[in-house]
């Protein structure tokens, strides 16, 4: 019985240590005509917008970034083409690159970001 209690105590301690080492921060992003230089609803060809994200608290190590798109307003008369990617990831922040191309017209697009790092 003492061995079982010791094993359970060690398991709980290890779980607590692992949980304490995992760092997560999150936020939202959006590009739309109110952003200076917005061009994703004009012309044709490749058009991009970038958003610089600074973490409220820097990570100890470079985090992994997850991006999602939660809203898209695009022209109904053209294909909806878009790409969203994280670039220049560091312990202090990263850049979100939003891209469209061809005859697509994106009037606004937004989503969430999540940064996760061990330690």
PDB file of N, CA and C in Angstrom:
ATOM      1  N   UNK A   1       0.821  -1.198   0.000  1.00  0.00           N
ATOM      2  CA  UNK A   1       0.000   0.000   0.000  1.00  0.00           C
ATOM      3  C   UNK A   1       0.867   1.264   0.000  1.00  0.00           C
ATOM      4  N   UNK A   2       1.970   1.219   0.781  1.00  0.00           N
ATOM      5  CA  UNK A   2       2.858   2.376   0.839  1.00  0.00           C
ATOM      6  C   UNK A   2       3.480   2.648  -0.531  1.00  0.00           C
ATOM      7  N   UNK A   3       3.802   1.567  -1.259  1.00  0.00           N
ATOM      8  CA  UNK A   3       4.381   1.738  -2.595  1.00  0.00           C
ATOM      9  C   UNK A   3       3.378   2.399  -3.534  1.00  0.00           C
ATOM     10  N   UNK A   4       2.128   1.980  -3.443  1.00  0.00           N
ATOM     11  CA  UNK A   4       1.084   2.558  -4.288  1.00  0.00           C
ATOM     12  C   UNK A   4       0.922   4.050  -4.006  1.00  0.00           C
ATOM     13  N   UNK A   5       0.900   4.410  -2.734  1.00  0.00           N
ATOM     14  CA  UNK A   5       0.770   5.824  -2.357  1.00  0.00           C
ATOM     15  C   UNK A   5       1.978   6.616  -2.859  1.00  0.00           C
ATOM     16  N   UNK A   6       3.173   6.033  -2.742  1.00  0.00           N
ATOM     17  CA  UNK A   6       4.388   6.708  -3.210  1.00  0.00           C
ATOM     18  C   UNK A   6       4.347   6.905  -4.723  1.00  0.00           C
ATOM     19  N   UNK A   7       3.911   5.884  -5.461  1.00  0.00           N
ATOM     20  CA  UNK A   7       3.821   5.980  -6.920  1.00  0.00           C
ATOM     21  C   UNK A   7       2.808   7.050  -7.324  1.00  0.00           C
ATOM     22  N   UNK A   8       1.658   7.076  -6.669  1.00  0.00           N
ATOM     23  CA  UNK A   8       0.633   8.077  -6.968  1.00  0.00           C
ATOM     24  C   UNK A   8       1.160   9.480  -6.659  1.00  0.00           C
ATOM     25  N   UNK A   9       1.856   9.640  -5.540  1.00  0.00           N
ATOM     26  CA  UNK A   9       2.410  10.946  -5.168  1.00  0.00           C
ATOM     27  C   UNK A   9       3.443  11.414  -6.192  1.00  0.00           C
ATOM     28  N   UNK A  10       4.297  10.502  -6.639  1.00  0.00           N
ATOM     29  CA  UNK A  10       5.298  10.852  -7.650  1.00  0.00           C
ATOM     30  C   UNK A  10       4.618  11.234  -8.959  1.00  0.00           C
ATOM     31  N   UNK A  11       3.600  10.477  -9.358  1.00  0.00           N
ATOM     32  CA  UNK A  11       2.863  10.771 -10.583  1.00  0.00           C
ATOM     33  C   UNK A  11       2.228  12.162 -10.519  1.00  0.00           C
ATOM     34  N   UNK A  12       1.610  12.485  -9.400  1.00  0.00           N
ATOM     35  CA  UNK A  12       0.976  13.800  -9.236  1.00  0.00           C
ATOM     36  C   UNK A  12       2.025  14.908  -9.286  1.00  0.00           C
ATOM     37  N   UNK A  13       3.165  14.686  -8.636  1.00  0.00           N
ATOM     38  CA  UNK A  13       4.234  15.693  -8.639  1.00  0.00           C
ATOM     39  C   UNK A  13       4.771  15.915 -10.051  1.00  0.00           C
ATOM     40  N   UNK A  14       4.990  14.828 -10.795  1.00  0.00           N
ATOM     41  CA  UNK A  14       5.491  14.951 -12.166  1.00  0.00           C
ATOM     42  C   UNK A  14       4.480  15.656 -13.064  1.00  0.00           C
ATOM     43  N   UNK A  15       3.216  15.321 -12.908  1.00  0.00           N
ATOM     44  CA  UNK A  15       2.164  15.970 -13.691  1.00  0.00           C
ATOM     45  C   UNK A  15       2.131  17.468 -13.407  1.00  0.00           C
ATOM     46  N   UNK A  16       2.264  17.836 -12.140  1.00  0.00           N
ATOM     47  CA  UNK A  16       2.265  19.254 -11.769  1.00  0.00           C
ATOM     48  C   UNK A  16       3.471  19.969 -12.369  1.00  0.00           C
ATOM     49  N   UNK A  17       4.631  19.309 -12.379  1.00  0.00           N
ATOM     50  CA  UNK A  17       5.832  19.924 -12.949  1.00  0.00           C
ATOM     51  C   UNK A  17       5.685  20.128 -14.448  1.00  0.00           C
ATOM     52  N   UNK A  18       5.147  19.134 -15.141  1.00  0.00           N
ATOM     53  CA  UNK A  18       4.956  19.252 -16.590  1.00  0.00           C
ATOM     54  C   UNK A  18       3.959  20.358 -16.895  1.00  0.00           C
ATOM     55  N   UNK A  19       2.869  20.423 -16.137  1.00  0.00           N
ATOM     56  CA  UNK A  19       1.862  21.463 -16.361  1.00  0.00           C
ATOM     57  C   UNK A  19       2.438  22.846 -16.119  1.00  0.00           C
ATOM     58  N   UNK A  20       3.292  22.969 -15.122  1.00  0.00           N
ATOM     59  CA  UNK A  20       3.882  24.268 -14.809  1.00  0.00           C
ATOM     60  C   UNK A  20       4.841  24.721 -15.901  1.00  0.00           C
ATOM     61  N   UNK A  21       5.401  23.792 -16.660  1.00  0.00           N
ATOM     62  CA  UNK A  21       6.367  24.138 -17.691  1.00  0.00           C
ATOM     63  C   UNK A  21       5.712  24.493 -19.019  1.00  0.00           C
ATOM     64  N   UNK A  22       4.457  24.179 -19.198  1.00  0.00           N
ATOM     65  CA  UNK A  22       3.767  24.477 -20.444  1.00  0.00           C
ATOM     66  C   UNK A  22       3.242  25.907 -20.396  1.00  0.00           C
ATOM     67  N   UNK A  23       3.600  26.689 -21.389  1.00  0.00           N
ATOM     68  CA  UNK A  23       3.172  28.084 -21.462  1.00  0.00           C
ATOM     69  C   UNK A  23       2.281  28.267 -22.684  1.00  0.00           C
ATOM     70  N   UNK A  24       1.170  28.969 -22.493  1.00  0.00           N
ATOM     71  CA  UNK A  24       0.236  29.224 -23.587  1.00  0.00           C
ATOM     72  C   UNK A  24      -0.220  30.680 -23.517  1.00  0.00           C
ATOM     73  N   UNK A  25      -0.238  31.330 -24.670  1.00  0.00           N
ATOM     74  CA  UNK A  25      -0.817  32.666 -24.794  1.00  0.00           C
ATOM     75  C   UNK A  25      -1.669  32.664 -26.063  1.00  0.00           C
ATOM     76  N   UNK A  26      -2.695  33.502 -26.087  1.00  0.00           N
ATOM     77  CA  UNK A  26      -3.570  33.521 -27.261  1.00  0.00           C
ATOM     78  C   UNK A  26      -4.121  34.921 -27.485  1.00  0.00           C
ATOM     79  N   UNK A  27      -4.695  35.107 -28.656  1.00  0.00           N
ATOM     80  CA  UNK A  27      -5.294  36.390 -28.992  1.00  0.00           C
ATOM     81  C   UNK A  27      -6.059  36.298 -30.299  1.00  0.00           C
ATOM     82  N   UNK A  28      -6.507  37.428 -30.774  1.00  0.00           N
ATOM     83  CA  UNK A  28      -7.257  37.492 -32.028  1.00  0.00           C
ATOM     84  C   UNK A  28      -6.492  38.341 -33.036  1.00  0.00           C
ATOM     85  N   UNK A  29      -6.829  38.164 -34.306  1.00  0.00           N
ATOM     86  CA  UNK A  29      -6.244  38.973 -35.370  1.00  0.00           C
ATOM     87  C   UNK A  29      -7.344  39.300 -36.371  1.00  0.00           C
ATOM     88  N   UNK A  30      -7.151  40.389 -37.107  1.00  0.00           N
ATOM     89  CA  UNK A  30      -8.146  40.797 -38.094  1.00  0.00           C
ATOM     90  C   UNK A  30      -7.518  41.767 -39.087  1.00  0.00           C
ATOM     91  N   UNK A  31      -7.890  41.635 -40.342  1.00  0.00           N
ATOM     92  CA  UNK A  31      -7.564  42.646 -41.350  1.00  0.00           C
ATOM     93  C   UNK A  31      -8.850  42.995 -42.088  1.00  0.00           C
ATOM     94  N   UNK A  32      -9.033  44.292 -42.323  1.00  0.00           N
ATOM     95  CA  UNK A  32     -10.236  44.798 -42.979  1.00  0.00           C
ATOM     96  C   UNK A  32      -9.930  46.197 -43.503  1.00  0.00           C
ATOM     97  N   UNK A  33     -10.855  46.813 -44.204  1.00  0.00           N
ATOM     98  CA  UNK A  33     -10.576  48.125 -44.803  1.00  0.00           C
ATOM     99  C   UNK A  33     -10.199  49.227 -43.809  1.00  0.00           C
ATOM    100  N   UNK A  34     -10.444  49.040 -42.517  1.00  0.00           N
ATOM    101  CA  UNK A  34     -10.051  50.071 -41.547  1.00  0.00           C
ATOM    102  C   UNK A  34      -8.551  50.035 -41.240  1.00  0.00           C
ATOM    103  N   UNK A  35      -7.853  48.979 -41.691  1.00  0.00           N
ATOM    104  CA  UNK A  35      -6.409  48.859 -41.489  1.00  0.00           C
ATOM    105  C   UNK A  35      -5.697  49.634 -42.599  1.00  0.00           C
ATOM    106  N   UNK A  36      -4.736  50.458 -42.219  1.00  0.00           N
ATOM    107  CA  UNK A  36      -3.994  51.260 -43.202  1.00  0.00           C
ATOM    108  C   UNK A  36      -3.349  50.367 -44.256  1.00  0.00           C
ATOM    109  N   UNK A  37      -3.501  50.741 -45.521  1.00  0.00           N
ATOM    110  CA  UNK A  37      -2.896  49.999 -46.621  1.00  0.00           C
ATOM    111  C   UNK A  37      -3.654  48.754 -47.037  1.00  0.00           C
ATOM    112  N   UNK A  38      -4.878  48.586 -46.551  1.00  0.00           N
ATOM    113  CA  UNK A  38      -5.654  47.388 -46.901  1.00  0.00           C
ATOM    114  C   UNK A  38      -5.860  47.321 -48.413  1.00  0.00           C
ATOM    115  N   UNK A  39      -5.513  46.175 -49.019  1.00  0.00           N
ATOM    116  CA  UNK A  39      -5.596  46.060 -50.481  1.00  0.00           C
ATOM    117  C   UNK A  39      -6.195  44.738 -50.955  1.00  0.00           C
ATOM    118  N   UNK A  40      -6.723  43.944 -50.060  1.00  0.00           N
ATOM    119  CA  UNK A  40      -7.169  42.600 -50.433  1.00  0.00           C
ATOM    120  C   UNK A  40      -8.513  42.581 -51.154  1.00  0.00           C
ATOM    121  N   UNK A  41      -9.167  43.730 -51.224  1.00  0.00           N
ATOM    122  CA  UNK A  41     -10.445  43.806 -51.935  1.00  0.00           C
ATOM    123  C   UNK A  41     -10.321  44.583 -53.247  1.00  0.00           C
ATOM    124  N   UNK A  42      -9.087  44.856 -53.657  1.00  0.00           N
ATOM    125  CA  UNK A  42      -8.863  45.640 -54.877  1.00  0.00           C
ATOM    126  C   UNK A  42      -7.950  44.893 -55.838  1.00  0.00           C
ATOM    127  N   UNK A  43      -8.101  45.181 -57.120  1.00  0.00           N
ATOM    128  CA  UNK A  43      -7.202  44.673 -58.162  1.00  0.00           C
ATOM    129  C   UNK A  43      -7.214  43.146 -58.253  1.00  0.00           C
ATOM    130  N   UNK A  44      -6.209  42.596 -58.930  1.00  0.00           N
ATOM    131  CA  UNK A  44      -6.051  41.147 -59.063  1.00  0.00           C
ATOM    132  C   UNK A  44      -4.585  40.814 -58.811  1.00  0.00           C
ATOM    133  N   UNK A  45      -4.275  39.528 -58.837  1.00  0.00           N
ATOM    134  CA  UNK A  45      -2.909  39.103 -58.539  1.00  0.00           C
ATOM    135  C   UNK A  45      -2.726  38.905 -57.047  1.00  0.00           C
ATOM    136  N   UNK A  46      -1.485  38.665 -56.655  1.00  0.00           N
ATOM    137  CA  UNK A  46      -1.217  38.416 -55.235  1.00  0.00           C
ATOM    138  C   UNK A  46      -1.238  39.716 -54.439  1.00  0.00           C
ATOM    139  N   UNK A  47      -1.957  39.685 -53.314  1.00  0.00           N
ATOM    140  CA  UNK A  47      -2.024  40.808 -52.388  1.00  0.00           C
ATOM    141  C   UNK A  47      -1.847  40.274 -50.977  1.00  0.00           C
ATOM    142  N   UNK A  48      -1.070  40.966 -50.164  1.00  0.00           N
ATOM    143  CA  UNK A  48      -0.802  40.492 -48.803  1.00  0.00           C
ATOM    144  C   UNK A  48      -0.970  41.611 -47.787  1.00  0.00           C
ATOM    145  N   UNK A  49      -1.262  41.194 -46.581  1.00  0.00           N
ATOM    146  CA  UNK A  49      -1.289  42.078 -45.414  1.00  0.00           C
ATOM    147  C   UNK A  49      -0.521  41.351 -44.316  1.00  0.00           C
ATOM    148  N   UNK A  50       0.147  42.098 -43.463  1.00  0.00           N
ATOM    149  CA  UNK A  50       0.835  41.483 -42.333  1.00  0.00           C
ATOM    150  C   UNK A  50       0.371  42.132 -41.034  1.00  0.00           C
ATOM    151  N   UNK A  51       0.395  41.326 -39.979  1.00  0.00           N
ATOM    152  CA  UNK A  51       0.014  41.776 -38.648  1.00  0.00           C
ATOM    153  C   UNK A  51       1.134  41.363 -37.704  1.00  0.00           C
ATOM    154  N   UNK A  52       1.718  42.323 -37.013  1.00  0.00           N
ATOM    155  CA  UNK A  52       2.747  42.010 -36.024  1.00  0.00           C
ATOM    156  C   UNK A  52       2.089  41.749 -34.676  1.00  0.00           C
ATOM    157  N   UNK A  53       2.423  40.610 -34.071  1.00  0.00           N
ATOM    158  CA  UNK A  53       1.887  40.231 -32.765  1.00  0.00           C
ATOM    159  C   UNK A  53       3.039  40.228 -31.769  1.00  0.00           C
ATOM    160  N   UNK A  54       2.881  40.964 -30.686  1.00  0.00           N
ATOM    161  CA  UNK A  54       3.865  40.961 -29.604  1.00  0.00           C
ATOM    162  C   UNK A  54       3.229  40.264 -28.404  1.00  0.00           C
ATOM    163  N   UNK A  55       3.904  39.240 -27.876  1.00  0.00           N
ATOM    164  CA  UNK A  55       3.354  38.510 -26.742  1.00  0.00           C
ATOM    165  C   UNK A  55       3.312  39.414 -25.510  1.00  0.00           C
ATOM    166  N   UNK A  56       2.231  39.337 -24.728  1.00  0.00           N
ATOM    167  CA  UNK A  56       2.172  40.121 -23.487  1.00  0.00           C
ATOM    168  C   UNK A  56       3.343  39.806 -22.552  1.00  0.00           C
ATOM    169  N   UNK A  57       3.743  38.531 -22.539  1.00  0.00           N
ATOM    170  CA  UNK A  57       4.895  38.111 -21.740  1.00  0.00           C
ATOM    171  C   UNK A  57       5.768  37.232 -22.630  1.00  0.00           C
ATOM    172  N   UNK A  58       7.045  37.597 -22.827  1.00  0.00           N
ATOM    173  CA  UNK A  58       7.910  36.781 -23.690  1.00  0.00           C
ATOM    174  C   UNK A  58       8.030  35.346 -23.178  1.00  0.00           C
ATOM    175  N   UNK A  59       8.149  34.410 -24.105  1.00  0.00           N
ATOM    176  CA  UNK A  59       8.358  33.008 -23.760  1.00  0.00           C
ATOM    177  C   UNK A  59       9.836  32.779 -23.438  1.00  0.00           C
ATOM    178  N   UNK A  60      10.118  31.693 -22.705  1.00  0.00           N
ATOM    179  CA  UNK A  60      11.509  31.313 -22.435  1.00  0.00           C
ATOM    180  C   UNK A  60      12.142  30.664 -23.658  1.00  0.00           C
ATOM    181  N   UNK A  61      11.322  29.998 -24.470  1.00  0.00           N
ATOM    182  CA  UNK A  61      11.788  29.359 -25.699  1.00  0.00           C
ATOM    183  C   UNK A  61      10.850  29.753 -26.834  1.00  0.00           C
ATOM    184  N   UNK A  62      11.294  29.537 -28.058  1.00  0.00           N
ATOM    185  CA  UNK A  62      10.463  29.878 -29.222  1.00  0.00           C
ATOM    186  C   UNK A  62       9.208  29.007 -29.218  1.00  0.00           C
ATOM    187  N   UNK A  63       8.012  29.617 -29.255  1.00  0.00           N
ATOM    188  CA  UNK A  63       6.772  28.839 -29.219  1.00  0.00           C
ATOM    189  C   UNK A  63       6.353  28.319 -30.594  1.00  0.00           C
ATOM    190  N   UNK A  64       5.455  27.365 -30.571  1.00  0.00           N
ATOM    191  CA  UNK A  64       4.760  26.898 -31.767  1.00  0.00           C
ATOM    192  C   UNK A  64       3.493  27.735 -31.898  1.00  0.00           C
ATOM    193  N   UNK A  65       3.187  28.177 -33.111  1.00  0.00           N
ATOM    194  CA  UNK A  65       2.031  29.042 -33.345  1.00  0.00           C
ATOM    195  C   UNK A  65       0.946  28.270 -34.089  1.00  0.00           C
ATOM    196  N   UNK A  66      -0.283  28.409 -33.613  1.00  0.00           N
ATOM    197  CA  UNK A  66      -1.460  27.850 -34.274  1.00  0.00           C
ATOM    198  C   UNK A  66      -2.353  29.018 -34.679  1.00  0.00           C
ATOM    199  N   UNK A  67      -2.816  29.013 -35.927  1.00  0.00           N
ATOM    200  CA  UNK A  67      -3.694  30.063 -36.432  1.00  0.00           C
ATOM    201  C   UNK A  67      -5.014  29.464 -36.890  1.00  0.00           C
ATOM    202  N   UNK A  68      -6.088  30.217 -36.693  1.00  0.00           N
ATOM    203  CA  UNK A  68      -7.383  29.791 -37.224  1.00  0.00           C
ATOM    204  C   UNK A  68      -8.054  30.984 -37.893  1.00  0.00           C
ATOM    205  N   UNK A  69      -8.930  30.679 -38.825  1.00  0.00           N
ATOM    206  CA  UNK A  69      -9.765  31.697 -39.469  1.00  0.00           C
ATOM    207  C   UNK A  69     -11.179  31.477 -38.958  1.00  0.00           C
ATOM    208  N   UNK A  70     -11.767  32.512 -38.369  1.00  0.00           N
ATOM    209  CA  UNK A  70     -13.121  32.392 -37.827  1.00  0.00           C
ATOM    210  C   UNK A  70     -14.140  33.215 -38.602  1.00  0.00           C
ATOM    211  N   UNK A  71     -13.658  34.123 -39.451  1.00  0.00           N
ATOM    212  CA  UNK A  71     -14.572  34.975 -40.211  1.00  0.00           C
ATOM    213  C   UNK A  71     -13.929  35.328 -41.541  1.00  0.00           C
ATOM    214  N   UNK A  72     -14.707  35.222 -42.602  1.00  0.00           N
ATOM    215  CA  UNK A  72     -14.254  35.600 -43.939  1.00  0.00           C
ATOM    216  C   UNK A  72     -15.413  36.266 -44.664  1.00  0.00           C
ATOM    217  N   UNK A  73     -15.178  37.472 -45.160  1.00  0.00           N
ATOM    218  CA  UNK A  73     -16.155  38.166 -45.992  1.00  0.00           C
ATOM    219  C   UNK A  73     -15.488  38.366 -47.345  1.00  0.00           C
ATOM    220  N   UNK A  74     -15.987  37.657 -48.354  1.00  0.00           N
ATOM    221  CA  UNK A  74     -15.372  37.690 -49.683  1.00  0.00           C
ATOM    222  C   UNK A  74     -16.442  37.902 -50.745  1.00  0.00           C
ATOM    223  N   UNK A  75     -16.013  38.375 -51.894  1.00  0.00           N
ATOM    224  CA  UNK A  75     -16.904  38.624 -53.024  1.00  0.00           C
ATOM    225  C   UNK A  75     -17.546  37.320 -53.482  1.00  0.00           C
ATOM    226  N   UNK A  76     -18.857  37.317 -53.616  1.00  0.00           N
ATOM    227  CA  UNK A  76     -19.586  36.108 -54.018  1.00  0.00           C
ATOM    228  C   UNK A  76     -19.397  35.766 -55.497  1.00  0.00           C
ATOM    229  N   UNK A  77     -18.901  36.708 -56.283  1.00  0.00           N
ATOM    230  CA  UNK A  77     -18.754  36.480 -57.719  1.00  0.00           C
ATOM    231  C   UNK A  77     -17.372  35.977 -58.126  1.00  0.00           C
ATOM    232  N   UNK A  78     -16.518  35.688 -57.154  1.00  0.00           N
ATOM    233  CA  UNK A  78     -15.168  35.176 -57.455  1.00  0.00           C
ATOM    234  C   UNK A  78     -14.830  34.066 -56.462  1.00  0.00           C
ATOM    235  N   UNK A  79     -13.886  33.227 -56.830  1.00  0.00           N
ATOM    236  CA  UNK A  79     -13.433  32.189 -55.900  1.00  0.00           C
ATOM    237  C   UNK A  79     -12.817  32.839 -54.666  1.00  0.00           C
ATOM    238  N   UNK A  80     -13.039  32.218 -53.511  1.00  0.00           N
ATOM    239  CA  UNK A  80     -12.442  32.709 -52.261  1.00  0.00           C
ATOM    240  C   UNK A  80     -11.108  32.015 -52.060  1.00  0.00           C
ATOM    241  N   UNK A  81     -10.041  32.730 -52.318  1.00  0.00           N
ATOM    242  CA  UNK A  81      -8.691  32.183 -52.163  1.00  0.00           C
ATOM    243  C   UNK A  81      -7.987  32.986 -51.079  1.00  0.00           C
ATOM    244  N   UNK A  82      -7.473  32.286 -50.072  1.00  0.00           N
ATOM    245  CA  UNK A  82      -6.715  32.975 -49.034  1.00  0.00           C
ATOM    246  C   UNK A  82      -5.772  31.994 -48.360  1.00  0.00           C
ATOM    247  N   UNK A  83      -4.744  32.554 -47.764  1.00  0.00           N
ATOM    248  CA  UNK A  83      -3.770  31.776 -47.013  1.00  0.00           C
ATOM    249  C   UNK A  83      -3.366  32.610 -45.806  1.00  0.00           C
ATOM    250  N   UNK A  84      -3.247  31.957 -44.658  1.00  0.00           N
ATOM    251  CA  UNK A  84      -2.830  32.635 -43.435  1.00  0.00           C
ATOM    252  C   UNK A  84      -1.684  31.836 -42.842  1.00  0.00           C
ATOM    253  N   UNK A  85      -0.553  32.497 -42.553  1.00  0.00           N
ATOM    254  CA  UNK A  85       0.592  31.776 -42.002  1.00  0.00           C
ATOM    255  C   UNK A  85       1.345  32.625 -40.987  1.00  0.00           C
ATOM    256  N   UNK A  86       1.998  31.937 -40.050  1.00  0.00           N
ATOM    257  CA  UNK A  86       2.844  32.592 -39.055  1.00  0.00           C
ATOM    258  C   UNK A  86       4.266  32.654 -39.593  1.00  0.00           C
ATOM    259  N   UNK A  87       4.889  33.814 -39.442  1.00  0.00           N
ATOM    260  CA  UNK A  87       6.259  34.013 -39.924  1.00  0.00           C
ATOM    261  C   UNK A  87       7.079  34.690 -38.829  1.00  0.00           C
ATOM    262  N   UNK A  88       8.388  34.587 -38.948  1.00  0.00           N
ATOM    263  CA  UNK A  88       9.315  35.293 -38.054  1.00  0.00           C
ATOM    264  C   UNK A  88       8.977  35.074 -36.579  1.00  0.00           C
ATOM    265  N   UNK A  89       8.748  33.826 -36.202  1.00  0.00           N
ATOM    266  CA  UNK A  89       8.385  33.502 -34.820  1.00  0.00           C
ATOM    267  C   UNK A  89       9.613  33.634 -33.924  1.00  0.00           C
ATOM    268  N   UNK A  90       9.445  34.329 -32.802  1.00  0.00           N
ATOM    269  CA  UNK A  90      10.507  34.462 -31.811  1.00  0.00           C
ATOM    270  C   UNK A  90       9.892  34.337 -30.418  1.00  0.00           C
ATOM    271  N   UNK A  91      10.712  34.445 -29.403  1.00  0.00           N
ATOM    272  CA  UNK A  91      10.211  34.379 -28.027  1.00  0.00           C
ATOM    273  C   UNK A  91       9.337  35.587 -27.704  1.00  0.00           C
ATOM    274  N   UNK A  92       9.509  36.689 -28.446  1.00  0.00           N
ATOM    275  CA  UNK A  92       8.807  37.936 -28.159  1.00  0.00           C
ATOM    276  C   UNK A  92       7.537  38.150 -28.975  1.00  0.00           C
ATOM    277  N   UNK A  93       7.401  37.440 -30.106  1.00  0.00           N
ATOM    278  CA  UNK A  93       6.234  37.642 -30.951  1.00  0.00           C
ATOM    279  C   UNK A  93       6.397  36.980 -32.306  1.00  0.00           C
ATOM    280  N   UNK A  94       5.533  37.339 -33.234  1.00  0.00           N
ATOM    281  CA  UNK A  94       5.566  36.766 -34.579  1.00  0.00           C
ATOM    282  C   UNK A  94       4.776  37.664 -35.518  1.00  0.00           C
ATOM    283  N   UNK A  95       4.814  37.342 -36.791  1.00  0.00           N
ATOM    284  CA  UNK A  95       4.072  38.085 -37.805  1.00  0.00           C
ATOM    285  C   UNK A  95       3.077  37.147 -38.476  1.00  0.00           C
ATOM    286  N   UNK A  96       1.844  37.618 -38.631  1.00  0.00           N
ATOM    287  CA  UNK A  96       0.827  36.871 -39.372  1.00  0.00           C
ATOM    288  C   UNK A  96       0.788  37.449 -40.784  1.00  0.00           C
ATOM    289  N   UNK A  97       0.940  36.578 -41.779  1.00  0.00           N
ATOM    290  CA  UNK A  97       0.847  36.996 -43.182  1.00  0.00           C
ATOM    291  C   UNK A  97      -0.468  36.456 -43.736  1.00  0.00           C
ATOM    292  N   UNK A  98      -1.312  37.364 -44.225  1.00  0.00           N
ATOM    293  CA  UNK A  98      -2.593  37.004 -44.839  1.00  0.00           C
ATOM    294  C   UNK A  98      -2.461  37.318 -46.323  1.00  0.00           C
ATOM    295  N   UNK A  99      -2.832  36.348 -47.157  1.00  0.00           N
ATOM    296  CA  UNK A  99      -2.595  36.496 -48.595  1.00  0.00           C
ATOM    297  C   UNK A  99      -3.826  36.064 -49.380  1.00  0.00           C
ATOM    298  N   UNK A 100      -4.084  36.754 -50.477  1.00  0.00           N
ATOM    299  CA  UNK A 100      -5.076  36.321 -51.463  1.00  0.00           C
ATOM    300  C   UNK A 100      -4.459  36.526 -52.842  1.00  0.00           C
ATOM    301  N   UNK A 101      -5.062  35.952 -53.870  1.00  0.00           N
ATOM    302  CA  UNK A 101      -4.475  36.037 -55.211  1.00  0.00           C
ATOM    303  C   UNK A 101      -5.561  35.900 -56.271  1.00  0.00           C
ATOM    304  N   UNK A 102      -5.123  36.029 -57.524  1.00  0.00           N
ATOM    305  CA  UNK A 102      -6.002  35.963 -58.704  1.00  0.00           C
ATOM    306  C   UNK A 102      -7.083  37.043 -58.589  1.00  0.00           C
ATOM    307  N   UNK A 103      -8.339  36.694 -58.914  1.00  0.00           N
ATOM    308  CA  UNK A 103      -9.398  37.705 -58.893  1.00  0.00           C
ATOM    309  C   UNK A 103     -10.186  37.718 -57.586  1.00  0.00           C
ATOM    310  N   UNK A 104      -9.716  36.991 -56.570  1.00  0.00           N
ATOM    311  CA  UNK A 104     -10.414  36.967 -55.275  1.00  0.00           C
ATOM    312  C   UNK A 104     -10.443  38.358 -54.662  1.00  0.00           C
ATOM    313  N   UNK A 105     -11.547  38.658 -54.012  1.00  0.00           N
ATOM    314  CA  UNK A 105     -11.691  39.920 -53.298  1.00  0.00           C
ATOM    315  C   UNK A 105     -12.117  39.590 -51.871  1.00  0.00           C
ATOM    316  N   UNK A 106     -11.218  39.855 -50.932  1.00  0.00           N
ATOM    317  CA  UNK A 106     -11.478  39.596 -49.512  1.00  0.00           C
ATOM    318  C   UNK A 106     -11.771  40.939 -48.850  1.00  0.00           C
ATOM    319  N   UNK A 107     -13.000  41.094 -48.359  1.00  0.00           N
ATOM    320  CA  UNK A 107     -13.404  42.347 -47.727  1.00  0.00           C
ATOM    321  C   UNK A 107     -12.971  42.411 -46.268  1.00  0.00           C
ATOM    322  N   UNK A 108     -12.893  41.269 -45.605  1.00  0.00           N
ATOM    323  CA  UNK A 108     -12.343  41.195 -44.253  1.00  0.00           C
ATOM    324  C   UNK A 108     -12.113  39.727 -43.910  1.00  0.00           C
ATOM    325  N   UNK A 109     -11.148  39.506 -43.029  1.00  0.00           N
ATOM    326  CA  UNK A 109     -10.829  38.157 -42.574  1.00  0.00           C
ATOM    327  C   UNK A 109     -10.258  38.287 -41.163  1.00  0.00           C
ATOM    328  N   UNK A 110     -10.637  37.373 -40.286  1.00  0.00           N
ATOM    329  CA  UNK A 110     -10.146  37.432 -38.909  1.00  0.00           C
ATOM    330  C   UNK A 110     -10.083  36.035 -38.315  1.00  0.00           C
ATOM    331  N   UNK A 111      -9.452  35.939 -37.167  1.00  0.00           N
ATOM    332  CA  UNK A 111      -9.323  34.643 -36.511  1.00  0.00           C
ATOM    333  C   UNK A 111      -8.625  34.741 -35.173  1.00  0.00           C
ATOM    334  N   UNK A 112      -8.184  33.588 -34.699  1.00  0.00           N
ATOM    335  CA  UNK A 112      -7.486  33.474 -33.422  1.00  0.00           C
ATOM    336  C   UNK A 112      -6.068  32.988 -33.649  1.00  0.00           C
ATOM    337  N   UNK A 113      -5.171  33.321 -32.728  1.00  0.00           N
ATOM    338  CA  UNK A 113      -3.834  32.738 -32.696  1.00  0.00           C
ATOM    339  C   UNK A 113      -3.601  32.155 -31.309  1.00  0.00           C
ATOM    340  N   UNK A 114      -2.800  31.116 -31.266  1.00  0.00           N
ATOM    341  CA  UNK A 114      -2.424  30.485 -30.006  1.00  0.00           C
ATOM    342  C   UNK A 114      -0.942  30.156 -30.086  1.00  0.00           C
ATOM    343  N   UNK A 115      -0.203  30.544 -29.069  1.00  0.00           N
ATOM    344  CA  UNK A 115       1.232  30.261 -28.992  1.00  0.00           C
ATOM    345  C   UNK A 115       1.457  29.307 -27.829  1.00  0.00           C
ATOM    346  N   UNK A 116       2.223  28.246 -28.076  1.00  0.00           N
ATOM    347  CA  UNK A 116       2.462  27.209 -27.066  1.00  0.00           C
ATOM    348  C   UNK A 116       3.941  26.867 -27.027  1.00  0.00           C
ATOM    349  N   UNK A 117       4.506  26.839 -25.829  1.00  0.00           N
ATOM    350  CA  UNK A 117       5.917  26.467 -25.683  1.00  0.00           C
ATOM    351  C   UNK A 117       6.091  25.613 -24.440  1.00  0.00           C
ATOM    352  N   UNK A 118       6.999  24.666 -24.526  1.00  0.00           N
ATOM    353  CA  UNK A 118       7.389  23.900 -23.346  1.00  0.00           C
ATOM    354  C   UNK A 118       8.395  24.746 -22.584  1.00  0.00           C
ATOM    355  N   UNK A 119       8.308  24.742 -21.300  1.00  0.00           N
ATOM    356  CA  UNK A 119       9.201  25.490 -20.389  1.00  0.00           C
ATOM    357  C   UNK A 119       8.894  26.939 -20.364  1.00  0.00           C
TER     358      UNK A 119
END
